[in-house]
Amino acid sequence: MKKTLLRMEQILIRILRLKEEICLQPKPILQEEEVWLDKYEVTALLRISASSFYRKLKIGKWAEKEIAGRKYYLKSSIIKP
């Protein structure tokens, strides 16, 4: 029983040291977060109708991804600085 408790204590100490190391590591500086918009948010942002949205979607080279059957568009690819 005593050996088991000592072993558990060693494991817990090791876990705490690892957590401290993780917390002390410098965090990377993040760039601006990617913002993904669905078609309703894009139409509201650009103040355009649904038909204009589809026309601009054909012409523009917007980055898009699909999640669970819904398409999302990268805001920075829609609005270019």
PDB file of N, CA and C in Angstrom:
ATOM      1  N   MET A   1       0.827  -1.196   0.000  1.00  0.00           N
ATOM      2  CA  MET A   1       0.000   0.000   0.000  1.00  0.00           C
ATOM      3  C   MET A   1       0.871   1.258   0.000  1.00  0.00           C
ATOM      4  N   LYS A   2       1.911   1.239   0.824  1.00  0.00           N
ATOM      5  CA  LYS A   2       2.787   2.396   0.917  1.00  0.00           C
ATOM      6  C   LYS A   2       3.518   2.638  -0.409  1.00  0.00           C
ATOM      7  N   LYS A   3       3.936   1.541  -1.068  1.00  0.00           N
ATOM      8  CA  LYS A   3       4.613   1.667  -2.361  1.00  0.00           C
ATOM      9  C   LYS A   3       3.675   2.248  -3.408  1.00  0.00           C
ATOM     10  N   THR A   4       2.421   1.832  -3.355  1.00  0.00           N
ATOM     11  CA  THR A   4       1.429   2.336  -4.311  1.00  0.00           C
ATOM     12  C   THR A   4       1.234   3.836  -4.134  1.00  0.00           C
ATOM     13  N   LEU A   5       1.128   4.266  -2.886  1.00  0.00           N
ATOM     14  CA  LEU A   5       0.953   5.694  -2.619  1.00  0.00           C
ATOM     15  C   LEU A   5       2.176   6.502  -3.040  1.00  0.00           C
ATOM     16  N   LEU A   6       3.359   5.968  -2.806  1.00  0.00           N
ATOM     17  CA  LEU A   6       4.580   6.658  -3.231  1.00  0.00           C
ATOM     18  C   LEU A   6       4.626   6.770  -4.758  1.00  0.00           C
ATOM     19  N   ARG A   7       4.260   5.698  -5.421  1.00  0.00           N
ATOM     20  CA  ARG A   7       4.243   5.713  -6.894  1.00  0.00           C
ATOM     21  C   ARG A   7       3.238   6.738  -7.419  1.00  0.00           C
ATOM     22  N   MET A   8       2.061   6.792  -6.825  1.00  0.00           N
ATOM     23  CA  MET A   8       1.049   7.777  -7.233  1.00  0.00           C
ATOM     24  C   MET A   8       1.557   9.197  -7.009  1.00  0.00           C
ATOM     25  N   GLU A   9       2.250   9.410  -5.885  1.00  0.00           N
ATOM     26  CA  GLU A   9       2.812  10.728  -5.598  1.00  0.00           C
ATOM     27  C   GLU A   9       3.835  11.126  -6.658  1.00  0.00           C
ATOM     28  N   GLN A  10       4.683  10.191  -7.060  1.00  0.00           N
ATOM     29  CA  GLN A  10       5.677  10.469  -8.095  1.00  0.00           C
ATOM     30  C   GLN A  10       5.011  10.826  -9.420  1.00  0.00           C
ATOM     31  N   ILE A  11       3.971  10.104  -9.747  1.00  0.00           N
ATOM     32  CA  ILE A  11       3.249  10.375 -11.005  1.00  0.00           C
ATOM     33  C   ILE A  11       2.615  11.760 -10.961  1.00  0.00           C
ATOM     34  N   LEU A  12       2.000  12.093  -9.833  1.00  0.00           N
ATOM     35  CA  LEU A  12       1.372  13.411  -9.701  1.00  0.00           C
ATOM     36  C   LEU A  12       2.398  14.534  -9.777  1.00  0.00           C
ATOM     37  N   ILE A  13       3.551  14.334  -9.161  1.00  0.00           N
ATOM     38  CA  ILE A  13       4.612  15.340  -9.228  1.00  0.00           C
ATOM     39  C   ILE A  13       5.079  15.518 -10.666  1.00  0.00           C
ATOM     40  N   ARG A  14       5.222  14.430 -11.393  1.00  0.00           N
ATOM     41  CA  ARG A  14       5.634  14.501 -12.794  1.00  0.00           C
ATOM     42  C   ARG A  14       4.590  15.247 -13.639  1.00  0.00           C
ATOM     43  N   ILE A  15       3.331  14.968 -13.384  1.00  0.00           N
ATOM     44  CA  ILE A  15       2.260  15.652 -14.121  1.00  0.00           C
ATOM     45  C   ILE A  15       2.290  17.144 -13.832  1.00  0.00           C
ATOM     46  N   LEU A  16       2.457  17.516 -12.585  1.00  0.00           N
ATOM     47  CA  LEU A  16       2.509  18.943 -12.231  1.00  0.00           C
ATOM     48  C   LEU A  16       3.697  19.644 -12.885  1.00  0.00           C
ATOM     49  N   ARG A  17       4.838  18.979 -12.939  1.00  0.00           N
ATOM     50  CA  ARG A  17       6.009  19.574 -13.599  1.00  0.00           C
ATOM     51  C   ARG A  17       5.747  19.792 -15.082  1.00  0.00           C
ATOM     52  N   LEU A  18       5.131  18.792 -15.726  1.00  0.00           N
ATOM     53  CA  LEU A  18       4.813  18.951 -17.147  1.00  0.00           C
ATOM     54  C   LEU A  18       3.851  20.102 -17.380  1.00  0.00           C
ATOM     55  N   LYS A  19       2.850  20.231 -16.508  1.00  0.00           N
ATOM     56  CA  LYS A  19       1.899  21.345 -16.643  1.00  0.00           C
ATOM     57  C   LYS A  19       2.602  22.689 -16.477  1.00  0.00           C
ATOM     58  N   GLU A  20       3.513  22.766 -15.526  1.00  0.00           N
ATOM     59  CA  GLU A  20       4.261  24.010 -15.322  1.00  0.00           C
ATOM     60  C   GLU A  20       5.104  24.348 -16.543  1.00  0.00           C
ATOM     61  N   GLU A  21       5.742  23.343 -17.127  1.00  0.00           N
ATOM     62  CA  GLU A  21       6.543  23.575 -18.332  1.00  0.00           C
ATOM     63  C   GLU A  21       5.677  24.095 -19.468  1.00  0.00           C
ATOM     64  N   ILE A  22       4.506  23.524 -19.619  1.00  0.00           N
ATOM     65  CA  ILE A  22       3.603  23.953 -20.681  1.00  0.00           C
ATOM     66  C   ILE A  22       3.173  25.396 -20.448  1.00  0.00           C
ATOM     67  N   CYS A  23       2.855  25.730 -19.212  1.00  0.00           N
ATOM     68  CA  CYS A  23       2.415  27.096 -18.898  1.00  0.00           C
ATOM     69  C   CYS A  23       3.526  28.120 -19.075  1.00  0.00           C
ATOM     70  N   LEU A  24       4.763  27.713 -18.841  1.00  0.00           N
ATOM     71  CA  LEU A  24       5.882  28.644 -18.934  1.00  0.00           C
ATOM     72  C   LEU A  24       6.414  28.821 -20.349  1.00  0.00           C
ATOM     73  N   GLN A  25       5.988  27.970 -21.282  1.00  0.00           N
ATOM     74  CA  GLN A  25       6.453  28.103 -22.661  1.00  0.00           C
ATOM     75  C   GLN A  25       5.897  29.389 -23.257  1.00  0.00           C
ATOM     76  N   PRO A  26       6.718  30.097 -24.038  1.00  0.00           N
ATOM     77  CA  PRO A  26       6.215  31.326 -24.660  1.00  0.00           C
ATOM     78  C   PRO A  26       5.114  30.996 -25.671  1.00  0.00           C
ATOM     79  N   LYS A  27       4.077  31.796 -25.639  1.00  0.00           N
ATOM     80  CA  LYS A  27       2.961  31.580 -26.547  1.00  0.00           C
ATOM     81  C   LYS A  27       3.238  32.305 -27.858  1.00  0.00           C
ATOM     82  N   PRO A  28       2.946  31.662 -28.990  1.00  0.00           N
ATOM     83  CA  PRO A  28       3.197  32.320 -30.271  1.00  0.00           C
ATOM     84  C   PRO A  28       2.266  33.516 -30.462  1.00  0.00           C
ATOM     85  N   ILE A  29       2.796  34.527 -31.129  1.00  0.00           N
ATOM     86  CA  ILE A  29       1.988  35.708 -31.430  1.00  0.00           C
ATOM     87  C   ILE A  29       1.047  35.347 -32.569  1.00  0.00           C
ATOM     88  N   LEU A  30      -0.220  35.504 -32.296  1.00  0.00           N
ATOM     89  CA  LEU A  30      -1.216  35.123 -33.290  1.00  0.00           C
ATOM     90  C   LEU A  30      -1.476  36.250 -34.269  1.00  0.00           C
ATOM     91  N   GLN A  31      -1.603  35.860 -35.505  1.00  0.00           N
ATOM     92  CA  GLN A  31      -2.025  36.811 -36.517  1.00  0.00           C
ATOM     93  C   GLN A  31      -3.518  37.057 -36.311  1.00  0.00           C
ATOM     94  N   GLU A  32      -4.071  37.944 -37.077  1.00  0.00           N
ATOM     95  CA  GLU A  32      -5.506  38.189 -36.997  1.00  0.00           C
ATOM     96  C   GLU A  32      -6.233  36.881 -37.290  1.00  0.00           C
ATOM     97  N   GLU A  33      -7.217  36.593 -36.482  1.00  0.00           N
ATOM     98  CA  GLU A  33      -7.952  35.345 -36.651  1.00  0.00           C
ATOM     99  C   GLU A  33      -8.709  35.339 -37.967  1.00  0.00           C
ATOM    100  N   GLU A  34      -8.812  34.157 -38.534  1.00  0.00           N
ATOM    101  CA  GLU A  34      -9.581  34.015 -39.755  1.00  0.00           C
ATOM    102  C   GLU A  34     -11.055  34.085 -39.404  1.00  0.00           C
ATOM    103  N   VAL A  35     -11.782  34.865 -40.155  1.00  0.00           N
ATOM    104  CA  VAL A  35     -13.219  34.990 -39.928  1.00  0.00           C
ATOM    105  C   VAL A  35     -13.926  34.387 -41.128  1.00  0.00           C
ATOM    106  N   TRP A  36     -14.765  33.402 -40.863  1.00  0.00           N
ATOM    107  CA  TRP A  36     -15.523  32.735 -41.919  1.00  0.00           C
ATOM    108  C   TRP A  36     -16.981  33.154 -41.808  1.00  0.00           C
ATOM    109  N   LEU A  37     -17.563  33.513 -42.946  1.00  0.00           N
ATOM    110  CA  LEU A  37     -18.935  34.003 -42.986  1.00  0.00           C
ATOM    111  C   LEU A  37     -19.790  33.085 -43.867  1.00  0.00           C
ATOM    112  N   ASP A  38     -21.059  32.929 -43.489  1.00  0.00           N
ATOM    113  CA  ASP A  38     -21.960  32.195 -44.376  1.00  0.00           C
ATOM    114  C   ASP A  38     -22.569  33.176 -45.370  1.00  0.00           C
ATOM    115  N   LYS A  39     -23.390  32.676 -46.280  1.00  0.00           N
ATOM    116  CA  LYS A  39     -23.883  33.560 -47.350  1.00  0.00           C
ATOM    117  C   LYS A  39     -24.754  34.684 -46.810  1.00  0.00           C
ATOM    118  N   TYR A  40     -25.461  34.449 -45.712  1.00  0.00           N
ATOM    119  CA  TYR A  40     -26.312  35.504 -45.153  1.00  0.00           C
ATOM    120  C   TYR A  40     -25.463  36.623 -44.558  1.00  0.00           C
ATOM    121  N   GLU A  41     -24.388  36.254 -43.916  1.00  0.00           N
ATOM    122  CA  GLU A  41     -23.505  37.267 -43.352  1.00  0.00           C
ATOM    123  C   GLU A  41     -22.772  38.039 -44.446  1.00  0.00           C
ATOM    124  N   VAL A  42     -22.424  37.365 -45.532  1.00  0.00           N
ATOM    125  CA  VAL A  42     -21.751  38.033 -46.652  1.00  0.00           C
ATOM    126  C   VAL A  42     -22.699  39.037 -47.303  1.00  0.00           C
ATOM    127  N   THR A  43     -23.946  38.624 -47.531  1.00  0.00           N
ATOM    128  CA  THR A  43     -24.898  39.545 -48.165  1.00  0.00           C
ATOM    129  C   THR A  43     -25.163  40.751 -47.270  1.00  0.00           C
ATOM    130  N   ALA A  44     -25.203  40.536 -45.948  1.00  0.00           N
ATOM    131  CA  ALA A  44     -25.407  41.666 -45.031  1.00  0.00           C
ATOM    132  C   ALA A  44     -24.175  42.570 -45.003  1.00  0.00           C
ATOM    133  N   LEU A  45     -22.990  41.980 -45.032  1.00  0.00           N
ATOM    134  CA  LEU A  45     -21.755  42.750 -44.994  1.00  0.00           C
ATOM    135  C   LEU A  45     -21.599  43.610 -46.247  1.00  0.00           C
ATOM    136  N   LEU A  46     -21.863  43.018 -47.411  1.00  0.00           N
ATOM    137  CA  LEU A  46     -21.710  43.747 -48.668  1.00  0.00           C
ATOM    138  C   LEU A  46     -22.956  44.529 -49.062  1.00  0.00           C
ATOM    139  N   ARG A  47     -24.035  44.325 -48.315  1.00  0.00           N
ATOM    140  CA  ARG A  47     -25.329  44.970 -48.603  1.00  0.00           C
ATOM    141  C   ARG A  47     -25.774  44.693 -50.033  1.00  0.00           C
ATOM    142  N   ILE A  48     -25.864  43.385 -50.340  1.00  0.00           N
ATOM    143  CA  ILE A  48     -26.283  42.964 -51.674  1.00  0.00           C
ATOM    144  C   ILE A  48     -27.389  41.923 -51.539  1.00  0.00           C
ATOM    145  N   SER A  49     -28.078  41.678 -52.648  1.00  0.00           N
ATOM    146  CA  SER A  49     -29.143  40.680 -52.655  1.00  0.00           C
ATOM    147  C   SER A  49     -28.550  39.286 -52.860  1.00  0.00           C
ATOM    148  N   ALA A  50     -29.395  38.271 -52.747  1.00  0.00           N
ATOM    149  CA  ALA A  50     -28.948  36.888 -52.923  1.00  0.00           C
ATOM    150  C   ALA A  50     -28.465  36.647 -54.353  1.00  0.00           C
ATOM    151  N   SER A  51     -29.164  37.225 -55.334  1.00  0.00           N
ATOM    152  CA  SER A  51     -28.743  37.022 -56.724  1.00  0.00           C
ATOM    153  C   SER A  51     -27.390  37.685 -56.996  1.00  0.00           C
ATOM    154  N   SER A  52     -27.169  38.857 -56.408  1.00  0.00           N
ATOM    155  CA  SER A  52     -25.870  39.516 -56.552  1.00  0.00           C
ATOM    156  C   SER A  52     -24.773  38.703 -55.869  1.00  0.00           C
ATOM    157  N   PHE A  53     -25.124  38.085 -54.766  1.00  0.00           N
ATOM    158  CA  PHE A  53     -24.159  37.238 -54.055  1.00  0.00           C
ATOM    159  C   PHE A  53     -23.679  36.110 -54.970  1.00  0.00           C
ATOM    160  N   TYR A  54     -24.610  35.401 -55.604  1.00  0.00           N
ATOM    161  CA  TYR A  54     -24.218  34.280 -56.464  1.00  0.00           C
ATOM    162  C   TYR A  54     -23.434  34.751 -57.690  1.00  0.00           C
ATOM    163  N   ARG A  55     -23.785  35.930 -58.222  1.00  0.00           N
ATOM    164  CA  ARG A  55     -23.040  36.481 -59.352  1.00  0.00           C
ATOM    165  C   ARG A  55     -21.609  36.810 -58.938  1.00  0.00           C
ATOM    166  N   LYS A  56     -21.449  37.447 -57.767  1.00  0.00           N
ATOM    167  CA  LYS A  56     -20.103  37.778 -57.280  1.00  0.00           C
ATOM    168  C   LYS A  56     -19.328  36.519 -56.901  1.00  0.00           C
ATOM    169  N   LEU A  57     -20.027  35.493 -56.452  1.00  0.00           N
ATOM    170  CA  LEU A  57     -19.372  34.244 -56.091  1.00  0.00           C
ATOM    171  C   LEU A  57     -18.750  33.586 -57.315  1.00  0.00           C
ATOM    172  N   LYS A  58     -19.428  33.649 -58.461  1.00  0.00           N
ATOM    173  CA  LYS A  58     -18.886  33.085 -59.700  1.00  0.00           C
ATOM    174  C   LYS A  58     -17.650  33.850 -60.162  1.00  0.00           C
ATOM    175  N   ILE A  59     -17.721  35.176 -60.088  1.00  0.00           N
ATOM    176  CA  ILE A  59     -16.646  36.034 -60.588  1.00  0.00           C
ATOM    177  C   ILE A  59     -15.462  36.069 -59.626  1.00  0.00           C
ATOM    178  N   GLY A  60     -15.754  36.258 -58.352  1.00  0.00           N
ATOM    179  CA  GLY A  60     -14.691  36.423 -57.356  1.00  0.00           C
ATOM    180  C   GLY A  60     -13.993  35.118 -57.039  1.00  0.00           C
ATOM    181  N   LYS A  61     -12.798  35.243 -56.521  1.00  0.00           N
ATOM    182  CA  LYS A  61     -12.043  34.066 -56.110  1.00  0.00           C
ATOM    183  C   LYS A  61     -12.035  34.038 -54.591  1.00  0.00           C
ATOM    184  N   TRP A  62     -13.183  33.721 -54.031  1.00  0.00           N
ATOM    185  CA  TRP A  62     -13.331  33.701 -52.591  1.00  0.00           C
ATOM    186  C   TRP A  62     -12.911  32.343 -52.053  1.00  0.00           C
ATOM    187  N   ALA A  63     -12.143  32.366 -50.984  1.00  0.00           N
ATOM    188  CA  ALA A  63     -11.786  31.118 -50.314  1.00  0.00           C
ATOM    189  C   ALA A  63     -13.028  30.598 -49.616  1.00  0.00           C
ATOM    190  N   GLU A  64     -13.306  29.326 -49.816  1.00  0.00           N
ATOM    191  CA  GLU A  64     -14.495  28.774 -49.184  1.00  0.00           C
ATOM    192  C   GLU A  64     -14.205  27.401 -48.601  1.00  0.00           C
ATOM    193  N   LYS A  65     -14.997  27.061 -47.599  1.00  0.00           N
ATOM    194  CA  LYS A  65     -14.915  25.721 -47.018  1.00  0.00           C
ATOM    195  C   LYS A  65     -16.337  25.289 -46.690  1.00  0.00           C
ATOM    196  N   GLU A  66     -16.506  23.982 -46.632  1.00  0.00           N
ATOM    197  CA  GLU A  66     -17.827  23.439 -46.367  1.00  0.00           C
ATOM    198  C   GLU A  66     -17.784  22.646 -45.073  1.00  0.00           C
ATOM    199  N   ILE A  67     -18.718  22.971 -44.191  1.00  0.00           N
ATOM    200  CA  ILE A  67     -18.825  22.266 -42.922  1.00  0.00           C
ATOM    201  C   ILE A  67     -20.276  21.833 -42.761  1.00  0.00           C
ATOM    202  N   ALA A  68     -20.468  20.549 -42.643  1.00  0.00           N
ATOM    203  CA  ALA A  68     -21.803  19.971 -42.440  1.00  0.00           C
ATOM    204  C   ALA A  68     -22.784  20.441 -43.510  1.00  0.00           C
ATOM    205  N   GLY A  69     -22.331  20.509 -44.740  1.00  0.00           N
ATOM    206  CA  GLY A  69     -23.207  20.878 -45.844  1.00  0.00           C
ATOM    207  C   GLY A  69     -23.423  22.370 -46.028  1.00  0.00           C
ATOM    208  N   ARG A  70     -22.839  23.201 -45.179  1.00  0.00           N
ATOM    209  CA  ARG A  70     -22.970  24.655 -45.313  1.00  0.00           C
ATOM    210  C   ARG A  70     -21.646  25.228 -45.774  1.00  0.00           C
ATOM    211  N   LYS A  71     -21.707  26.171 -46.679  1.00  0.00           N
ATOM    212  CA  LYS A  71     -20.488  26.797 -47.198  1.00  0.00           C
ATOM    213  C   LYS A  71     -20.207  28.085 -46.434  1.00  0.00           C
ATOM    214  N   TYR A  72     -18.919  28.277 -46.169  1.00  0.00           N
ATOM    215  CA  TYR A  72     -18.455  29.475 -45.492  1.00  0.00           C
ATOM    216  C   TYR A  72     -17.355  30.107 -46.332  1.00  0.00           C
ATOM    217  N   TYR A  73     -17.278  31.446 -46.272  1.00  0.00           N
ATOM    218  CA  TYR A  73     -16.347  32.194 -47.100  1.00  0.00           C
ATOM    219  C   TYR A  73     -15.442  33.031 -46.198  1.00  0.00           C
ATOM    220  N   LEU A  74     -14.169  33.042 -46.546  1.00  0.00           N
ATOM    221  CA  LEU A  74     -13.180  33.764 -45.759  1.00  0.00           C
ATOM    222  C   LEU A  74     -13.369  35.263 -45.974  1.00  0.00           C
ATOM    223  N   LYS A  75     -13.548  35.976 -44.876  1.00  0.00           N
ATOM    224  CA  LYS A  75     -13.839  37.416 -44.942  1.00  0.00           C
ATOM    225  C   LYS A  75     -12.713  38.180 -45.637  1.00  0.00           C
ATOM    226  N   SER A  76     -11.468  37.804 -45.364  1.00  0.00           N
ATOM    227  CA  SER A  76     -10.354  38.540 -45.966  1.00  0.00           C
ATOM    228  C   SER A  76     -10.276  38.323 -47.482  1.00  0.00           C
ATOM    229  N   SER A  77     -10.856  37.234 -47.997  1.00  0.00           N
ATOM    230  CA  SER A  77     -10.846  37.031 -49.444  1.00  0.00           C
ATOM    231  C   SER A  77     -11.996  37.799 -50.112  1.00  0.00           C
ATOM    232  N   ILE A  78     -12.996  38.148 -49.345  1.00  0.00           N
ATOM    233  CA  ILE A  78     -14.133  38.907 -49.887  1.00  0.00           C
ATOM    234  C   ILE A  78     -13.812  40.411 -49.895  1.00  0.00           C
ATOM    235  N   ILE A  79     -13.301  40.885 -48.752  1.00  0.00           N
ATOM    236  CA  ILE A  79     -12.957  42.299 -48.620  1.00  0.00           C
ATOM    237  C   ILE A  79     -11.445  42.401 -48.663  1.00  0.00           C
ATOM    238  N   LYS A  80     -10.930  42.875 -49.755  1.00  0.00           N
ATOM    239  CA  LYS A  80      -9.481  43.006 -49.899  1.00  0.00           C
ATOM    240  C   LYS A  80      -9.062  44.419 -49.510  1.00  0.00           C
ATOM    241  N   PRO A  81      -8.048  44.500 -48.631  1.00  0.00           N
ATOM    242  CA  PRO A  81      -7.620  45.832 -48.178  1.00  0.00           C
ATOM    243  C   PRO A  81      -6.983  46.653 -49.278  1.00  0.00           C
TER     244      PRO A  81
END
